[in-house]
Protein backbone atom coordinates (compact mmCIF):
# COMPACT_ATOMS: atom_id res chain seq x y z
CA MET A 1 -33.37 12.99 -19.78
CA ALA A 2 -31.00 11.77 -22.53
CA HIS A 3 -28.17 11.38 -20.02
CA ILE A 4 -30.36 9.32 -17.70
CA LEU A 5 -31.34 7.04 -20.59
CA ILE A 6 -27.69 6.53 -21.49
CA TRP A 7 -26.84 5.45 -17.94
CA ILE A 8 -29.87 3.13 -17.74
CA ILE A 9 -29.24 1.43 -21.10
CA SER A 10 -25.51 1.04 -20.37
CA ALA A 11 -26.13 -0.41 -16.90
CA PHE A 12 -28.77 -2.85 -18.14
CA SER A 13 -26.54 -4.00 -21.02
CA ILE A 14 -23.73 -4.88 -18.64
CA MET A 15 -26.08 -6.60 -16.17
CA LEU A 16 -27.65 -8.67 -18.95
CA MET A 17 -24.18 -9.60 -20.18
CA LEU A 18 -23.49 -10.89 -16.67
CA PHE A 19 -26.68 -12.88 -16.14
CA ARG A 20 -27.24 -14.01 -19.79
CA PRO A 21 -31.06 -14.44 -19.75
CA PHE A 22 -32.28 -17.37 -21.87
CA ASN A 23 -28.65 -18.59 -22.03
CA THR A 24 -27.92 -16.00 -24.73
CA SER A 25 -24.34 -15.07 -25.60
CA GLU A 26 -22.78 -12.08 -23.82
CA VAL A 27 -22.18 -10.26 -27.09
CA VAL A 28 -25.91 -10.12 -27.86
CA TRP A 29 -26.74 -7.96 -24.84
CA VAL A 30 -23.78 -5.60 -25.06
CA SER A 31 -24.22 -5.15 -28.81
CA ALA A 32 -27.96 -4.57 -28.33
CA GLY A 33 -27.20 -1.86 -25.79
CA ALA A 34 -24.72 -0.14 -28.11
CA LEU A 35 -27.14 -0.40 -31.05
CA LEU A 36 -30.01 1.00 -28.98
CA LEU A 37 -27.90 3.99 -27.98
CA CYS A 38 -27.29 4.68 -31.68
CA LEU A 39 -30.90 4.12 -32.78
CA LEU A 40 -32.21 6.49 -30.10
CA HIS A 41 -29.60 9.06 -31.18
CA LEU A 42 -28.18 9.08 -27.65
CA ILE A 43 -24.76 8.88 -29.25
CA PRO A 44 -24.06 10.25 -32.77
CA LEU A 45 -23.19 7.58 -35.32
CA ALA A 46 -19.95 9.39 -36.12
CA LEU A 47 -18.91 9.30 -32.46
CA ALA A 48 -19.87 5.62 -32.17
CA GLY A 49 -17.83 4.86 -35.28
CA LYS A 50 -14.87 6.73 -33.83
CA ALA A 51 -15.17 4.75 -30.58
CA VAL A 52 -15.16 1.46 -32.51
CA ALA A 53 -12.15 2.56 -34.57
CA GLU A 54 -10.18 3.53 -31.46
CA GLY A 55 -10.35 -0.08 -30.32
CA LEU A 56 -8.39 -1.37 -33.32
CA ASP A 57 -5.25 -2.08 -31.29
CA VAL A 58 -7.25 -4.13 -28.76
CA TYR A 59 -8.98 -6.12 -31.54
CA LEU A 60 -5.65 -6.96 -33.19
CA PHE A 61 -4.18 -7.99 -29.84
CA LEU A 62 -7.10 -10.27 -29.02
CA ALA A 63 -7.25 -11.77 -32.51
CA GLY A 64 -3.56 -12.64 -32.33
CA MET A 65 -3.89 -14.22 -28.90
CA MET A 66 -6.97 -16.25 -29.87
CA LEU A 67 -5.17 -17.47 -32.98
CA LEU A 68 -2.19 -18.61 -30.92
CA SER A 69 -4.52 -20.30 -28.46
CA GLU A 70 -6.23 -22.36 -31.16
CA LEU A 71 -2.87 -23.33 -32.69
CA ALA A 72 -1.55 -24.43 -29.32
CA LYS A 73 -4.72 -26.38 -28.62
CA ASP A 74 -4.74 -28.09 -32.02
CA TYR A 75 -1.10 -29.20 -31.92
CA GLY A 76 -0.93 -30.53 -28.39
CA VAL A 77 0.80 -27.68 -26.55
CA PHE A 78 -1.95 -27.57 -23.94
CA ALA A 79 -1.88 -31.34 -23.45
CA TRP A 80 1.90 -31.16 -23.00
CA MET A 81 1.62 -28.29 -20.51
CA ALA A 82 -1.03 -30.25 -18.65
CA TYR A 83 1.29 -33.25 -18.47
CA LEU A 84 4.14 -31.11 -17.07
CA ALA A 85 1.83 -29.52 -14.48
CA VAL A 86 0.47 -32.88 -13.31
CA LYS A 87 3.93 -34.44 -13.27
CA SER A 88 5.43 -31.59 -11.21
CA ALA A 89 2.52 -31.85 -8.76
CA ASN A 90 3.47 -35.48 -7.99
CA ARG A 91 -0.17 -36.38 -7.33
CA SER A 92 -0.60 -33.49 -4.88
CA SER A 93 -3.61 -31.25 -5.57
CA THR A 94 -2.03 -28.44 -3.55
CA ARG A 95 1.18 -28.58 -5.62
CA LEU A 96 -0.88 -28.63 -8.79
CA PHE A 97 -2.72 -25.51 -7.59
CA THR A 98 0.60 -23.75 -6.81
CA SER A 99 2.11 -24.76 -10.18
CA ILE A 100 -0.89 -23.41 -12.10
CA PHE A 101 -0.89 -20.16 -10.10
CA ALA A 102 2.85 -19.67 -10.76
CA VAL A 103 2.42 -20.28 -14.49
CA GLY A 104 -0.46 -17.78 -14.46
CA VAL A 105 1.81 -15.16 -12.91
CA VAL A 106 4.46 -15.65 -15.61
CA VAL A 107 1.98 -15.66 -18.50
CA THR A 108 0.23 -12.55 -17.19
CA ILE A 109 3.46 -10.63 -16.67
CA PHE A 110 4.95 -11.31 -20.09
CA MET A 111 1.88 -11.85 -22.29
CA SER A 112 -0.89 -9.87 -20.52
CA ASN A 113 -3.88 -10.88 -18.44
CA ASP A 114 -5.96 -11.44 -21.58
CA ALA A 115 -3.44 -14.06 -22.69
CA THR A 116 -3.82 -15.81 -19.33
CA ALA A 117 -7.55 -15.98 -19.97
CA VAL A 118 -7.31 -17.06 -23.62
CA VAL A 119 -4.12 -19.17 -23.69
CA LEU A 120 -3.71 -20.55 -20.17
CA THR A 121 -7.31 -21.39 -19.24
CA PRO A 122 -7.67 -24.20 -21.84
CA ALA A 123 -4.34 -25.61 -20.65
CA VAL A 124 -5.55 -25.60 -17.06
CA LEU A 125 -8.76 -27.35 -18.06
CA ALA A 126 -6.68 -30.02 -19.80
CA ALA A 127 -4.48 -30.34 -16.69
CA VAL A 128 -7.32 -30.81 -14.22
CA LYS A 129 -9.04 -33.31 -16.50
CA ARG A 130 -5.80 -35.24 -16.72
CA ALA A 131 -5.35 -35.06 -12.94
CA LYS A 132 -9.04 -35.89 -12.34
CA ALA A 133 -9.21 -32.93 -9.95
CA PRO A 134 -12.19 -30.61 -9.26
CA PRO A 135 -11.74 -27.84 -11.86
CA LEU A 136 -13.09 -24.70 -10.16
CA PRO A 137 -10.21 -23.89 -7.74
CA TYR A 138 -7.71 -24.04 -10.59
CA LEU A 139 -9.92 -22.06 -12.95
CA PHE A 140 -10.46 -19.37 -10.31
CA SER A 141 -6.69 -19.27 -9.95
CA CYS A 142 -6.41 -18.35 -13.65
CA ALA A 143 -9.03 -15.61 -13.42
CA LEU A 144 -7.76 -13.99 -10.24
CA VAL A 145 -4.05 -14.10 -11.01
CA ALA A 146 -4.78 -12.55 -14.41
CA ASN A 147 -5.77 -9.36 -12.57
CA ALA A 148 -3.49 -9.63 -9.53
CA ALA A 149 -0.31 -9.83 -11.63
CA SER A 150 -1.46 -7.40 -14.30
CA PHE A 151 0.54 -4.35 -13.25
CA VAL A 152 4.01 -5.90 -12.89
CA LEU A 153 4.85 -4.58 -16.39
CA PRO A 154 3.08 -2.09 -18.67
CA ILE A 155 2.30 -4.93 -21.11
CA SER A 156 0.70 -7.08 -18.40
CA ASN A 157 -2.68 -5.41 -18.96
CA PRO A 158 -3.96 -3.37 -21.93
CA ALA A 159 -5.70 -1.15 -19.36
CA ASN A 160 -2.26 0.04 -18.23
CA LEU A 161 -1.61 1.50 -21.67
CA VAL A 162 -5.07 3.05 -21.76
CA VAL A 163 -4.68 4.77 -18.38
CA PHE A 164 -1.22 6.25 -18.92
CA ASN A 165 -1.36 6.67 -22.71
CA SER A 166 1.34 9.15 -23.81
CA THR A 167 2.50 9.68 -20.19
CA MET A 168 3.65 6.06 -19.79
CA PRO A 169 6.68 5.96 -17.42
CA PRO A 170 9.90 4.32 -18.71
CA LEU A 171 10.28 0.66 -17.78
CA HIS A 172 12.75 1.20 -14.91
CA ARG A 173 10.50 3.85 -13.38
CA TRP A 174 7.45 1.59 -13.79
CA LEU A 175 9.18 -1.23 -11.92
CA ALA A 176 10.19 1.13 -9.12
CA MET A 177 6.56 2.26 -8.79
CA PHE A 178 4.73 -1.06 -9.07
CA ILE A 179 6.92 -4.07 -8.38
CA VAL A 180 6.34 -4.09 -4.58
CA PRO A 181 2.55 -3.45 -4.78
CA SER A 182 2.35 -6.17 -7.46
CA LEU A 183 4.15 -8.70 -5.27
CA ALA A 184 1.83 -7.83 -2.39
CA ALA A 185 -1.27 -8.34 -4.56
CA ILE A 186 0.02 -11.65 -5.98
CA VAL A 187 0.95 -13.11 -2.58
CA ILE A 188 -2.29 -12.03 -0.88
CA THR A 189 -4.36 -13.41 -3.77
CA TYR A 190 -2.54 -16.76 -3.64
CA VAL A 191 -2.80 -17.12 0.15
CA LEU A 192 -6.49 -16.23 0.35
CA LEU A 193 -7.52 -18.31 -2.66
CA ARG A 194 -5.60 -21.31 -1.36
CA TRP A 195 -7.31 -20.89 2.02
CA TYR A 196 -10.75 -20.52 0.42
CA CYS A 197 -10.29 -23.63 -1.74
CA HIS A 198 -8.55 -25.69 0.96
CA ASN A 199 -11.11 -28.49 1.01
CA GLU A 200 -11.07 -28.97 -2.77
CA ILE A 201 -7.26 -29.01 -3.10
CA SER A 202 -6.32 -30.94 0.03
CA GLY A 203 -6.61 -34.38 -1.56
CA ARG A 204 -4.45 -36.24 -4.05
CA CYS A 205 -4.60 -36.28 -7.84
CA ASN A 206 -5.41 -39.54 -9.55
CA GLY A 207 -4.49 -38.69 -13.13
CA SER A 208 -2.57 -40.78 -15.62
CA THR A 209 1.23 -40.61 -15.51
CA SER A 210 1.81 -41.70 -19.12
CA ASP A 211 4.33 -39.54 -20.98
CA VAL A 212 3.19 -36.83 -23.39
CA HIS A 213 5.67 -35.52 -25.94
CA LEU A 214 5.46 -32.27 -27.86
CA SER A 215 5.29 -32.72 -31.63
CA GLY A 216 7.31 -30.71 -34.15
CA MET A 217 4.32 -28.53 -34.95
CA GLY A 218 3.70 -28.13 -31.23
CA ARG A 219 7.25 -26.86 -30.76
CA ILE A 220 6.68 -24.27 -33.48
CA CYS A 221 3.49 -23.13 -31.72
CA LEU A 222 5.32 -22.91 -28.40
CA PHE A 223 8.11 -20.93 -30.05
CA GLY A 224 5.43 -18.63 -31.47
CA ILE A 225 4.05 -17.93 -27.99
CA VAL A 226 7.56 -17.07 -26.76
CA ALA A 227 8.14 -14.89 -29.84
CA VAL A 228 4.93 -12.97 -29.13
CA ALA A 229 6.04 -12.39 -25.54
CA ILE A 230 9.37 -11.01 -26.78
CA ALA A 231 7.60 -8.84 -29.37
CA LEU A 232 5.37 -7.40 -26.65
CA LEU A 233 8.33 -6.53 -24.43
CA ILE A 234 10.14 -4.84 -27.32
CA ALA A 235 6.99 -2.96 -28.37
CA SER A 236 6.44 -1.80 -24.80
CA THR A 237 10.03 -0.61 -24.46
CA LEU A 238 9.72 1.34 -27.73
CA LYS A 239 6.25 2.66 -26.73
CA ILE A 240 4.63 0.97 -29.74
CA ASP A 241 1.00 -0.16 -29.59
CA LEU A 242 0.83 -3.88 -28.82
CA GLY A 243 -1.97 -4.98 -31.16
CA LEU A 244 -0.22 -4.99 -34.53
CA PRO A 245 3.01 -6.72 -33.35
CA THR A 246 0.92 -9.40 -31.61
CA PHE A 247 -1.29 -9.96 -34.65
CA LEU A 248 1.60 -10.05 -37.14
CA ALA A 249 3.62 -12.45 -34.99
CA SER A 250 0.59 -14.74 -34.60
CA MET A 251 -0.17 -14.65 -38.34
CA THR A 252 3.45 -15.50 -39.11
CA VAL A 253 3.40 -18.50 -36.78
CA THR A 254 0.06 -19.62 -38.25
CA ALA A 255 1.43 -19.39 -41.80
CA ILE A 256 4.55 -21.38 -40.89
CA VAL A 257 2.49 -24.10 -39.18
CA ALA A 258 -0.01 -24.24 -42.07
CA ILE A 259 2.78 -24.62 -44.64
CA CYS A 260 4.75 -27.19 -42.64
CA SER A 261 1.70 -29.27 -41.74
CA ARG A 262 -0.07 -28.68 -45.08
CA SER A 263 -3.24 -27.77 -43.18
CA ASN A 264 -6.03 -25.37 -44.05
CA PRO A 265 -5.88 -22.22 -41.87
CA ILE A 266 -9.56 -21.53 -42.58
CA ARG A 267 -10.47 -24.54 -40.43
CA LEU A 268 -8.49 -22.97 -37.58
CA ALA A 269 -10.18 -19.59 -38.06
CA ARG A 270 -13.61 -21.23 -37.73
CA GLN A 271 -12.75 -22.51 -34.26
CA ILE A 272 -12.00 -19.04 -32.86
CA SER A 273 -14.66 -17.30 -30.79
CA TRP A 274 -14.83 -14.18 -32.96
CA SER A 275 -17.83 -12.85 -31.02
CA ILE A 276 -15.33 -11.44 -28.50
CA LEU A 277 -14.35 -8.70 -30.98
CA PRO A 278 -17.84 -7.19 -31.47
CA LEU A 279 -18.36 -7.49 -27.71
CA VAL A 280 -15.29 -5.32 -27.11
CA ALA A 281 -16.32 -2.91 -29.87
CA ALA A 282 -19.76 -2.53 -28.27
CA LEU A 283 -18.10 -1.81 -24.92
CA PHE A 284 -16.14 1.01 -26.57
CA VAL A 285 -19.39 2.51 -27.89
CA ILE A 286 -21.06 2.26 -24.48
CA VAL A 287 -18.14 3.92 -22.70
CA GLU A 288 -18.13 6.76 -25.24
CA ALA A 289 -21.82 7.32 -24.57
CA VAL A 290 -21.27 7.25 -20.81
CA LYS A 291 -18.44 9.76 -21.17
CA SER A 292 -20.78 12.10 -23.05
CA ALA A 293 -23.38 11.62 -20.28
CA GLY A 294 -21.13 13.23 -17.69
CA ALA A 295 -18.82 10.45 -16.53
CA LEU A 296 -15.72 12.56 -17.19
CA LEU A 297 -17.12 15.45 -15.17
CA LEU A 298 -18.05 13.16 -12.27
CA LEU A 299 -14.56 11.68 -12.15
CA HIS A 300 -12.93 15.08 -12.58
CA ASN A 301 -14.85 16.43 -9.59
CA MET A 302 -14.07 13.33 -7.52
CA PHE A 303 -10.35 13.61 -8.27
CA GLU A 304 -10.33 17.32 -7.47
CA ARG A 305 -12.07 16.75 -4.14
CA SER A 306 -9.52 14.07 -3.27
CA LEU A 307 -6.76 16.68 -3.53
CA HIS A 308 -8.18 18.39 -0.43
CA LEU A 309 -7.96 15.23 1.69
CA PRO A 310 -4.87 13.97 3.54
CA GLN A 311 -2.89 11.95 1.02
CA SER A 312 -3.33 8.63 2.87
CA GLY A 313 -7.10 9.09 3.10
CA ALA A 314 -7.31 10.20 -0.53
CA ALA A 315 -5.35 7.14 -1.65
CA LEU A 316 -7.66 4.68 0.12
CA ALA A 317 -10.83 6.52 -0.89
CA LEU A 318 -9.82 6.74 -4.56
CA GLY A 319 -8.57 3.18 -4.59
CA ILE A 320 -11.81 1.76 -3.21
CA ALA A 321 -14.02 3.98 -5.40
CA VAL A 322 -12.16 3.15 -8.62
CA GLY A 323 -11.80 -0.53 -7.68
CA VAL A 324 -15.53 -0.97 -7.12
CA GLY A 325 -16.21 1.15 -10.21
CA THR A 326 -14.44 -1.40 -12.41
CA ASP A 327 -17.02 -3.97 -11.37
CA ILE A 328 -19.88 -1.66 -12.30
CA VAL A 329 -18.72 -0.57 -15.75
CA ASN A 330 -15.75 -2.93 -16.52
CA ASN A 331 -12.14 -1.81 -16.06
CA LEU A 332 -11.37 -1.23 -19.75
CA PRO A 333 -14.10 1.43 -20.16
CA LEU A 334 -13.27 2.88 -16.74
CA GLY A 335 -9.59 2.89 -17.68
CA LEU A 336 -10.42 4.88 -20.80
CA ILE A 337 -12.49 7.38 -18.82
CA THR A 338 -10.00 7.58 -15.95
CA GLY A 339 -7.05 8.02 -18.29
CA ALA A 340 -8.78 10.93 -20.02
CA THR A 341 -9.67 12.48 -16.64
CA LEU A 342 -6.17 12.09 -15.22
CA ARG A 343 -4.86 14.39 -17.94
CA THR A 344 -7.20 17.17 -16.77
CA VAL A 345 -6.33 17.11 -13.06
CA PRO A 346 -2.89 17.76 -11.52
CA LEU A 347 -2.98 14.65 -9.32
CA GLN A 348 -0.11 13.78 -7.02
CA PRO A 349 2.01 10.86 -8.36
CA MET A 350 0.96 8.66 -5.43
CA LEU A 351 -2.74 9.05 -6.26
CA ALA A 352 -2.18 8.32 -9.96
CA LYS A 353 -0.33 5.15 -8.92
CA VAL A 354 -3.22 4.09 -6.66
CA ILE A 355 -5.74 4.63 -9.46
CA LEU A 356 -3.79 2.29 -11.79
CA ILE A 357 -3.59 -0.37 -9.07
CA ALA A 358 -7.35 -0.12 -8.49
CA ILE A 359 -8.10 -0.34 -12.24
CA ASP A 360 -6.13 -3.61 -12.41
CA LEU A 361 -7.11 -5.23 -9.09
CA GLY A 362 -10.72 -4.06 -8.81
CA PRO A 363 -12.06 -6.58 -11.37
CA ASN A 364 -11.31 -9.45 -8.98
CA LEU A 365 -14.59 -8.62 -7.25
CA SER A 366 -16.97 -9.53 -10.11
CA ILE A 367 -17.03 -11.72 -13.17
CA THR A 368 -17.50 -8.80 -15.57
CA GLY A 369 -14.92 -6.51 -13.98
CA SER A 370 -12.33 -6.91 -16.73
CA LEU A 371 -12.09 -8.12 -20.28
CA ALA A 372 -9.78 -10.89 -19.05
CA THR A 373 -12.47 -12.38 -16.79
CA ILE A 374 -15.06 -12.13 -19.58
CA LEU A 375 -12.65 -13.97 -21.90
CA TRP A 376 -11.97 -16.50 -19.15
CA LEU A 377 -15.70 -17.12 -18.71
CA THR A 378 -16.12 -17.55 -22.48
CA GLU A 379 -13.30 -20.09 -22.60
CA ILE A 380 -14.66 -22.28 -19.81
CA ARG A 381 -18.18 -22.13 -21.26
CA ARG A 382 -16.79 -23.45 -24.53
CA GLU A 383 -15.69 -26.51 -22.55
CA GLY A 384 -19.14 -27.07 -21.08
CA LEU A 385 -18.46 -25.52 -17.66
CA ASP A 386 -19.93 -22.38 -16.12
CA VAL A 387 -19.38 -20.03 -13.19
CA THR A 388 -22.14 -17.78 -11.91
CA GLY A 389 -21.67 -14.19 -10.88
CA TRP A 390 -22.51 -15.16 -7.30
CA GLN A 391 -19.84 -17.90 -7.20
CA PHE A 392 -17.22 -15.43 -8.38
CA PHE A 393 -18.40 -12.69 -6.00
CA LYS A 394 -18.17 -14.97 -2.94
CA ILE A 395 -14.46 -15.41 -3.59
CA GLY A 396 -13.89 -11.89 -4.89
CA VAL A 397 -15.38 -10.14 -1.87
CA ILE A 398 -12.72 -11.81 0.29
CA ILE A 399 -9.74 -11.42 -2.04
CA MET A 400 -10.19 -8.12 -3.88
CA PRO A 401 -10.58 -5.65 -0.96
CA THR A 402 -7.75 -7.29 1.00
CA SER A 403 -5.29 -7.41 -1.89
CA LEU A 404 -6.23 -3.86 -2.93
CA VAL A 405 -5.62 -2.41 0.54
CA PHE A 406 -2.29 -4.25 0.91
CA ALA A 407 -1.17 -3.16 -2.56
CA ILE A 408 -2.05 0.48 -1.77
CA LEU A 409 -0.17 0.26 1.54
CA ALA A 410 2.82 -1.21 -0.30
CA ALA A 411 2.68 1.61 -2.84
CA TRP A 412 2.52 4.10 0.01
CA LEU A 413 5.66 2.70 1.66
CA ILE A 414 7.93 2.86 -1.41
């Protein structure tokens, strides 16, 4: 009975986070679910506390990225990026779409998919406002590329680190395993999204062409973003957790900007959407409860049964099952559960590779599939826009299965 209650409460929490009854913040419903699990003693307080503590690296990473985002927004980096995007598009909506998608690929690869959601999305909003273009095709580009390009490098998605943990392949081996499937996923996502949004991006932009120059403080912020990207690559190479280097680099940049501009950093801190951190912490509690309710055993049995199938059939079956599973429970919790399960089953390397691809690509089906899409949704809501779960699903149901199958086939061929 207790296990059934855990599954029900967890499922309802995630559904309410998606639909936001009474226009209530996402964090309210997820936190309420985690708190209810504790109050009903469905998860021991000590275990819940441990789950929250294990998310420290993710909290530091997100805090650093949100801090950089606010700095860049305050000191005109986003306005400057918007100007460059509109200028390079030369009044073509299609070129603007391609430019934004390409920037999203680069940001995701070197700064993670969460950075694409937190740092790039406001820049894209500024760009489309400047170009006077319909915003949704370009915003969907940010959300979908954040997942499609998120397994080019280990640092491209925190879920990658969660899945592999101490068994993380060296960088050269990672590239040999994932570079071709990544390229397949990126290209398929771009082609299908461009086709889906053809009507909206077939016209011309009518934005202002007046020059925008980056200020001295803006240059420091931009340098800080590049420094964080370098710090993440170094940390990944040395197999160091990404959260602390990201947070320290962001704090250093903030301190330099505050001193040089003689500004109050507390004002900046007030602008950050700190509710993201308790939302993530609550997700960690929920996944720990679900693990105790038999999720590990279910996955263990599923993985073991897959070993008795032909490898091609097992790859597709596991890929689809895990991909859809990310949209039911979110890919970060599923990555935690899957990573723990992988270490209990002697899976073939090909199947482990497929599972990682599905963890990263699966969230392109629903708006709550990954932390990156939740962050993306939060960012656009802060700007007075909104995207419903149905709007996202209509695009995702075309793009996710196709890109997932092509990425698995690409992984199979190399």
